[in-house]
Every structure is written in structure tokens, then in C-alpha cells.
Amino acid sequence: MQMRLLAILLCVSLFSLRGKAQEIALKTNVLADAALPAPNFSVEMSLGKKHTLDVMGVLNPFTYSDNKKMKVWAVQPEWRYWFCSSFNGWFVGAHAHTGQFNVGNYKLPAGLFPSTKEHRYEGWMVGAGVSVGYQWAMSKHWGIEMEIGAGYTYFDYDRYKCVKCGVKEGSEKKGFWGPTKAAVSLVYMIK
């Protein structure tokens, strides 16, 4: 599955590199970089004067010391409508997301899985949501973007009793209504 995610991101990147000026943005969510040890990257391309497609990906294949795990891959495509013009000012969006995770001995934000310090969770998720945001141009190439989104995420996972051993407690399914996106992104416009 990780290879599929990388192939999708590569295809989107290669397709977008043939765009015209101010039709492509490369981004990283510095808020997510500060909260989670999972590198993220976005490519956004113009679909018209007021429409864009943003594709964000997250990948972290590492296990840390003391068997701390935050292995994850996720992808989140989002269609955006801009009230002024593409890459300028206010926008609203609709997004979907999917991914896989293996998390243990790690405290997650927002209390999503409150017992990850004592248990390990391994599974997949899928969901969708809506968002609102704003982008500021700081210079010809650089900008800052803020976005918040909410929606639904469905989790299907196995729960293991302890982090280091593999004693499976059971399988669970969980639905979550709440935040699906929070971003303060550094934006680079290709011109």
C-alpha cells in the first residue's frame, strides 16, 4: 500500500509540473510537523479560475527507541472553491481521506485513542469532511495557508494488549465525528 501512495503522489506531481504559472503549489503542514513525527507533503493544482485540487500525503515507516511506534501512511485529496481566485484569499473545500496505521507507546492528539501508551493499534481508516481556509501571499513564490476541517472517519483496527508483545485483545470498529483537518502550511508557488 505504501508503494501505491508513493505512485499516486508521483503521478500527481508529474502531471502538475506541466501546468502554467500560478497553477501549482507545493506545501507542507508545519502544524502537523510539530504535533506528529510523520512527514507530510501537498501538491495543489489549478482546475480553473476558482477551483483547485489539493492532494496531501503523510508517510512515516519508522519505529523509534523504546519500541515507540507511529507507523502511518495516509492520503487526503481535496477539491477547493476559492472566493476570489485560485491560491488567493478565502476558500472552502471537500475532502476524503484513507490510510493505514500501527501506533503504540505514543500519545496521540485529541484523545483519539486514549490508551496508546498501554496498547498498540494496527488497522486502517477512511473518511470525508469539509473545510474552510485562507491563503496569504508573502512574496512572489512564498505564502502561508491556514485551514480547519471537520467530518467523519471510520476506523477498523486490531488492539494489542502491550506495546512490545503481540498479544491480540481483539478487533474493533470505531466511527469518529470531529476534526479531519487542521493545517498551518508553508506554501511554495511554482512560477
C-alpha atoms as a PDB file:
ATOM      1  CA  MET A   1       0.000   0.000   0.000  1.00  0.00           C
ATOM      2  CA  GLN A   2       2.882   2.392   0.706  1.00  0.00           C
ATOM      3  CA  MET A   3       4.115   1.932  -2.842  1.00  0.00           C
ATOM      4  CA  ARG A   4       0.614   2.733  -4.142  1.00  0.00           C
ATOM      5  CA  LEU A   5       0.591   6.008  -2.165  1.00  0.00           C
ATOM      6  CA  LEU A   6       4.016   6.975  -3.484  1.00  0.00           C
ATOM      7  CA  ALA A   7       2.938   6.126  -7.049  1.00  0.00           C
ATOM      8  CA  ILE A   8      -0.183   8.305  -6.710  1.00  0.00           C
ATOM      9  CA  LEU A   9       1.810  11.243  -5.330  1.00  0.00           C
ATOM     10  CA  LEU A  10       4.430  10.854  -8.063  1.00  0.00           C
ATOM     11  CA  CYS A  11       1.756  10.814 -10.800  1.00  0.00           C
ATOM     12  CA  VAL A  12       0.075  13.906  -9.376  1.00  0.00           C
ATOM     13  CA  SER A  13       3.432  15.659  -9.108  1.00  0.00           C
ATOM     14  CA  LEU A  14       4.475  14.792 -12.664  1.00  0.00           C
ATOM     15  CA  PHE A  15       1.077  15.814 -14.069  1.00  0.00           C
ATOM     16  CA  SER A  16       1.146  19.105 -12.220  1.00  0.00           C
ATOM     17  CA  LEU A  17       4.655  20.065 -13.334  1.00  0.00           C
ATOM     18  CA  ARG A  18       3.306  20.733 -16.846  1.00  0.00           C
ATOM     19  CA  GLY A  19       0.965  23.454 -15.536  1.00  0.00           C
ATOM     20  CA  LYS A  20       1.146  27.153 -16.224  1.00  0.00           C
ATOM     21  CA  ALA A  21       2.366  29.890 -13.877  1.00  0.00           C
ATOM     22  CA  GLN A  22       0.489  30.228 -10.593  1.00  0.00           C
ATOM     23  CA  GLU A  23      -1.287  26.928 -11.161  1.00  0.00           C
ATOM     24  CA  ILE A  24       0.879  24.753  -8.909  1.00  0.00           C
ATOM     25  CA  ALA A  25       1.679  24.968  -5.196  1.00  0.00           C
ATOM     26  CA  LEU A  26       3.948  22.730  -3.111  1.00  0.00           C
ATOM     27  CA  LYS A  27       3.174  22.711   0.618  1.00  0.00           C
ATOM     28  CA  THR A  28       3.997  21.244   3.996  1.00  0.00           C
ATOM     29  CA  ASN A  29       1.782  21.461   7.078  1.00  0.00           C
ATOM     30  CA  VAL A  30       4.109  22.829   9.785  1.00  0.00           C
ATOM     31  CA  LEU A  31       1.382  22.329  12.422  1.00  0.00           C
ATOM     32  CA  ALA A  32       1.335  18.576  11.693  1.00  0.00           C
ATOM     33  CA  ASP A  33       5.152  18.524  11.582  1.00  0.00           C
ATOM     34  CA  ALA A  34       5.199  19.941  15.143  1.00  0.00           C
ATOM     35  CA  ALA A  35       2.490  17.587  16.503  1.00  0.00           C
ATOM     36  CA  LEU A  36       3.372  14.253  14.863  1.00  0.00           C
ATOM     37  CA  PRO A  37       6.622  12.651  13.721  1.00  0.00           C
ATOM     38  CA  ALA A  38       5.117  11.947  10.292  1.00  0.00           C
ATOM     39  CA  PRO A  39       6.441  13.925   7.308  1.00  0.00           C
ATOM     40  CA  ASN A  40       3.725  15.411   5.088  1.00  0.00           C
ATOM     41  CA  PHE A  41       3.677  16.961   1.639  1.00  0.00           C
ATOM     42  CA  SER A  42       0.962  18.503  -0.550  1.00  0.00           C
ATOM     43  CA  VAL A  43       0.677  19.317  -4.227  1.00  0.00           C
ATOM     44  CA  GLU A  44      -2.127  21.656  -5.273  1.00  0.00           C
ATOM     45  CA  MET A  45      -3.009  22.351  -8.890  1.00  0.00           C
ATOM     46  CA  SER A  46      -5.426  24.752 -10.501  1.00  0.00           C
ATOM     47  CA  LEU A  47      -8.533  23.345 -12.188  1.00  0.00           C
ATOM     48  CA  GLY A  48      -9.790  26.764 -13.289  1.00  0.00           C
ATOM     49  CA  LYS A  49     -10.008  30.371 -12.097  1.00  0.00           C
ATOM     50  CA  LYS A  50     -11.708  29.451  -8.803  1.00  0.00           C
ATOM     51  CA  HIS A  51     -11.151  25.691  -8.411  1.00  0.00           C
ATOM     52  CA  THR A  52      -8.120  23.674  -7.294  1.00  0.00           C
ATOM     53  CA  LEU A  53      -7.267  20.091  -6.358  1.00  0.00           C
ATOM     54  CA  ASP A  54      -5.006  19.599  -3.339  1.00  0.00           C
ATOM     55  CA  VAL A  55      -3.512  16.150  -2.635  1.00  0.00           C
ATOM     56  CA  MET A  56      -1.819  15.725   0.744  1.00  0.00           C
ATOM     57  CA  GLY A  57       0.201  12.684   1.735  1.00  0.00           C
ATOM     58  CA  VAL A  58       1.729  11.515   5.027  1.00  0.00           C
ATOM     59  CA  LEU A  59       4.287   8.741   5.374  1.00  0.00           C
ATOM     60  CA  ASN A  60       6.189   7.535   8.441  1.00  0.00           C
ATOM     61  CA  PRO A  61       7.570   3.966   8.222  1.00  0.00           C
ATOM     62  CA  PHE A  62       9.791   4.179  11.340  1.00  0.00           C
ATOM     63  CA  THR A  63       9.845   2.564  14.794  1.00  0.00           C
ATOM     64  CA  TYR A  64      11.509   4.732  17.443  1.00  0.00           C
ATOM     65  CA  SER A  65      13.510   3.899  20.569  1.00  0.00           C
ATOM     66  CA  ASP A  66      11.739   2.079  23.428  1.00  0.00           C
ATOM     67  CA  ASN A  67       9.530   0.453  20.742  1.00  0.00           C
ATOM     68  CA  LYS A  68       7.565   3.685  20.311  1.00  0.00           C
ATOM     69  CA  LYS A  69       5.578   3.298  17.082  1.00  0.00           C
ATOM     70  CA  MET A  70       3.921   5.875  14.864  1.00  0.00           C
ATOM     71  CA  LYS A  71       3.938   3.988  11.571  1.00  0.00           C
ATOM     72  CA  VAL A  72       1.392   5.572   9.272  1.00  0.00           C
ATOM     73  CA  TRP A  73       0.590   6.370   5.670  1.00  0.00           C
ATOM     74  CA  ALA A  74      -2.373   8.485   4.604  1.00  0.00           C
ATOM     75  CA  VAL A  75      -3.598  10.417   1.595  1.00  0.00           C
ATOM     76  CA  GLN A  76      -6.184  13.222   1.577  1.00  0.00           C
ATOM     77  CA  PRO A  77      -7.366  14.673  -1.758  1.00  0.00           C
ATOM     78  CA  GLU A  78      -9.412  17.875  -1.506  1.00  0.00           C
ATOM     79  CA  TRP A  79     -11.409  19.894  -4.050  1.00  0.00           C
ATOM     80  CA  ARG A  80     -11.377  23.632  -3.240  1.00  0.00           C
ATOM     81  CA  TYR A  81     -13.524  26.570  -4.309  1.00  0.00           C
ATOM     82  CA  TRP A  82     -11.804  29.973  -3.967  1.00  0.00           C
ATOM     83  CA  PHE A  83     -13.996  33.049  -3.449  1.00  0.00           C
ATOM     84  CA  CYS A  84     -11.553  35.462  -5.116  1.00  0.00           C
ATOM     85  CA  SER A  85      -9.255  33.447  -7.419  1.00  0.00           C
ATOM     86  CA  SER A  86      -7.197  30.257  -7.133  1.00  0.00           C
ATOM     87  CA  PHE A  87      -4.476  30.444  -4.459  1.00  0.00           C
ATOM     88  CA  ASN A  88      -5.732  33.818  -3.189  1.00  0.00           C
ATOM     89  CA  GLY A  89      -7.767  34.546  -0.051  1.00  0.00           C
ATOM     90  CA  TRP A  90     -10.687  32.506   1.320  1.00  0.00           C
ATOM     91  CA  PHE A  91     -11.665  29.021   0.149  1.00  0.00           C
ATOM     92  CA  VAL A  92     -13.979  26.155   1.097  1.00  0.00           C
ATOM     93  CA  GLY A  93     -13.211  22.523   0.389  1.00  0.00           C
ATOM     94  CA  ALA A  94     -14.491  18.966   0.407  1.00  0.00           C
ATOM     95  CA  HIS A  95     -12.007  16.192   1.163  1.00  0.00           C
ATOM     96  CA  ALA A  96     -11.743  12.430   1.534  1.00  0.00           C
ATOM     97  CA  HIS A  97      -9.022  10.509   3.337  1.00  0.00           C
ATOM     98  CA  THR A  98      -7.709   6.990   3.766  1.00  0.00           C
ATOM     99  CA  GLY A  99      -4.674   5.330   5.304  1.00  0.00           C
ATOM    100  CA  GLN A 100      -3.180   2.648   7.492  1.00  0.00           C
ATOM    101  CA  PHE A 101      -1.580   2.877  10.933  1.00  0.00           C
ATOM    102  CA  ASN A 102       0.416   0.950  13.541  1.00  0.00           C
ATOM    103  CA  VAL A 103       0.594   3.087  16.692  1.00  0.00           C
ATOM    104  CA  GLY A 104       1.773   2.162  20.177  1.00  0.00           C
ATOM    105  CA  ASN A 105       3.569   3.650  23.196  1.00  0.00           C
ATOM    106  CA  TYR A 106       2.742   7.077  21.762  1.00  0.00           C
ATOM    107  CA  LYS A 107       0.267   9.741  22.924  1.00  0.00           C
ATOM    108  CA  LEU A 108      -1.989  10.887  20.073  1.00  0.00           C
ATOM    109  CA  PRO A 109      -3.543  14.380  19.967  1.00  0.00           C
ATOM    110  CA  ALA A 110      -7.285  14.965  20.544  1.00  0.00           C
ATOM    111  CA  GLY A 111      -7.657  11.793  22.669  1.00  0.00           C
ATOM    112  CA  LEU A 112      -8.471   9.738  19.572  1.00  0.00           C
ATOM    113  CA  PHE A 113      -7.089   6.501  21.040  1.00  0.00           C
ATOM    114  CA  PRO A 114      -6.535   7.385  24.717  1.00  0.00           C
ATOM    115  CA  SER A 115      -4.755   4.156  25.697  1.00  0.00           C
ATOM    116  CA  THR A 116      -1.941   4.159  23.103  1.00  0.00           C
ATOM    117  CA  LYS A 117       0.581   4.349  25.946  1.00  0.00           C
ATOM    118  CA  GLU A 118      -0.534   0.861  27.125  1.00  0.00           C
ATOM    119  CA  HIS A 119      -1.799  -0.663  23.878  1.00  0.00           C
ATOM    120  CA  ARG A 120      -0.865  -0.896  20.227  1.00  0.00           C
ATOM    121  CA  TYR A 121      -3.422  -0.234  17.468  1.00  0.00           C
ATOM    122  CA  GLU A 122      -2.968  -1.582  13.941  1.00  0.00           C
ATOM    123  CA  GLY A 123      -5.522  -1.041  11.183  1.00  0.00           C
ATOM    124  CA  TRP A 124      -6.930   1.251   8.510  1.00  0.00           C
ATOM    125  CA  MET A 125      -9.228   4.251   8.220  1.00  0.00           C
ATOM    126  CA  VAL A 126     -11.382   6.031   5.654  1.00  0.00           C
ATOM    127  CA  GLY A 127     -13.493   9.183   5.829  1.00  0.00           C
ATOM    128  CA  ALA A 128     -14.561  12.535   4.410  1.00  0.00           C
ATOM    129  CA  GLY A 129     -15.158  16.105   5.518  1.00  0.00           C
ATOM    130  CA  VAL A 130     -15.488  19.775   4.659  1.00  0.00           C
ATOM    131  CA  SER A 131     -13.097  22.620   5.372  1.00  0.00           C
ATOM    132  CA  VAL A 132     -12.544  26.361   5.251  1.00  0.00           C
ATOM    133  CA  GLY A 133      -9.264  28.220   4.938  1.00  0.00           C
ATOM    134  CA  TYR A 134      -7.337  31.290   3.869  1.00  0.00           C
ATOM    135  CA  GLN A 135      -4.058  31.773   1.966  1.00  0.00           C
ATOM    136  CA  TRP A 136      -1.763  34.808   2.254  1.00  0.00           C
ATOM    137  CA  ALA A 137       0.890  35.634  -0.334  1.00  0.00           C
ATOM    138  CA  MET A 138       4.125  36.604   1.422  1.00  0.00           C
ATOM    139  CA  SER A 139       6.185  37.118  -1.753  1.00  0.00           C
ATOM    140  CA  LYS A 140       6.220  36.101  -5.405  1.00  0.00           C
ATOM    141  CA  HIS A 141       6.859  32.440  -4.517  1.00  0.00           C
ATOM    142  CA  TRP A 142       6.039  32.032  -0.818  1.00  0.00           C
ATOM    143  CA  GLY A 143       2.825  32.038   1.172  1.00  0.00           C
ATOM    144  CA  ILE A 144       1.110  30.859   4.337  1.00  0.00           C
ATOM    145  CA  GLU A 145      -2.144  28.926   4.435  1.00  0.00           C
ATOM    146  CA  MET A 146      -4.441  28.176   7.378  1.00  0.00           C
ATOM    147  CA  GLU A 147      -7.234  25.586   7.182  1.00  0.00           C
ATOM    148  CA  ILE A 148      -9.631  23.785   9.514  1.00  0.00           C
ATOM    149  CA  GLY A 149     -11.933  20.895   8.600  1.00  0.00           C
ATOM    150  CA  ALA A 150     -14.448  18.543  10.176  1.00  0.00           C
ATOM    151  CA  GLY A 151     -16.177  15.353   9.124  1.00  0.00           C
ATOM    152  CA  TYR A 152     -16.379  11.607   9.743  1.00  0.00           C
ATOM    153  CA  THR A 153     -13.677   8.932   9.940  1.00  0.00           C
ATOM    154  CA  TYR A 154     -14.260   5.175  10.171  1.00  0.00           C
ATOM    155  CA  PHE A 155     -11.541   3.066  11.855  1.00  0.00           C
ATOM    156  CA  ASP A 156     -11.136  -0.716  11.606  1.00  0.00           C
ATOM    157  CA  TYR A 157      -8.283  -1.999  13.760  1.00  0.00           C
ATOM    158  CA  ASP A 158      -6.788  -4.687  15.966  1.00  0.00           C
ATOM    159  CA  ARG A 159      -5.886  -3.807  19.541  1.00  0.00           C
ATOM    160  CA  TYR A 160      -2.870  -5.440  21.203  1.00  0.00           C
ATOM    161  CA  LYS A 161      -2.501  -5.689  24.985  1.00  0.00           C
ATOM    162  CA  CYS A 162       1.025  -4.381  25.278  1.00  0.00           C
ATOM    163  CA  VAL A 163       3.353  -2.446  23.064  1.00  0.00           C
ATOM    164  CA  LYS A 164       6.300  -4.888  22.942  1.00  0.00           C
ATOM    165  CA  CYS A 165       4.438  -8.177  22.839  1.00  0.00           C
ATOM    166  CA  GLY A 166       1.926  -9.316  20.254  1.00  0.00           C
ATOM    167  CA  VAL A 167      -0.985 -10.447  22.448  1.00  0.00           C
ATOM    168  CA  LYS A 168      -4.105  -9.514  20.474  1.00  0.00           C
ATOM    169  CA  GLU A 169      -7.053  -8.381  22.616  1.00  0.00           C
ATOM    170  CA  GLY A 170      -9.496  -8.183  19.758  1.00  0.00           C
ATOM    171  CA  SER A 171     -10.683  -6.340  16.676  1.00  0.00           C
ATOM    172  CA  GLU A 172     -12.737  -3.168  16.855  1.00  0.00           C
ATOM    173  CA  LYS A 173     -14.510  -0.739  14.575  1.00  0.00           C
ATOM    174  CA  LYS A 174     -14.976   2.885  15.564  1.00  0.00           C
ATOM    175  CA  GLY A 175     -16.633   5.896  13.979  1.00  0.00           C
ATOM    176  CA  PHE A 176     -15.401   9.389  14.806  1.00  0.00           C
ATOM    177  CA  TRP A 177     -17.162  12.706  14.124  1.00  0.00           C
ATOM    178  CA  GLY A 178     -14.851  15.674  14.609  1.00  0.00           C
ATOM    179  CA  PRO A 179     -11.750  17.370  13.213  1.00  0.00           C
ATOM    180  CA  THR A 180     -10.442  15.834   9.990  1.00  0.00           C
ATOM    181  CA  LYS A 181      -8.035  18.606   9.040  1.00  0.00           C
ATOM    182  CA  ALA A 182      -6.001  21.274  10.834  1.00  0.00           C
ATOM    183  CA  ALA A 183      -3.237  22.999   8.919  1.00  0.00           C
ATOM    184  CA  VAL A 184      -0.859  25.911   9.029  1.00  0.00           C
ATOM    185  CA  SER A 185       1.059  25.330   5.815  1.00  0.00           C
ATOM    186  CA  LEU A 186       4.137  26.842   4.254  1.00  0.00           C
ATOM    187  CA  VAL A 187       3.349  27.289   0.533  1.00  0.00           C
ATOM    188  CA  TYR A 188       5.763  27.497  -2.407  1.00  0.00           C
ATOM    189  CA  MET A 189       4.245  28.655  -5.710  1.00  0.00           C
ATOM    190  CA  ILE A 190       5.899  27.390  -8.896  1.00  0.00           C
ATOM    191  CA  LYS A 191       6.091  30.272 -11.340  1.00  0.00           C
END
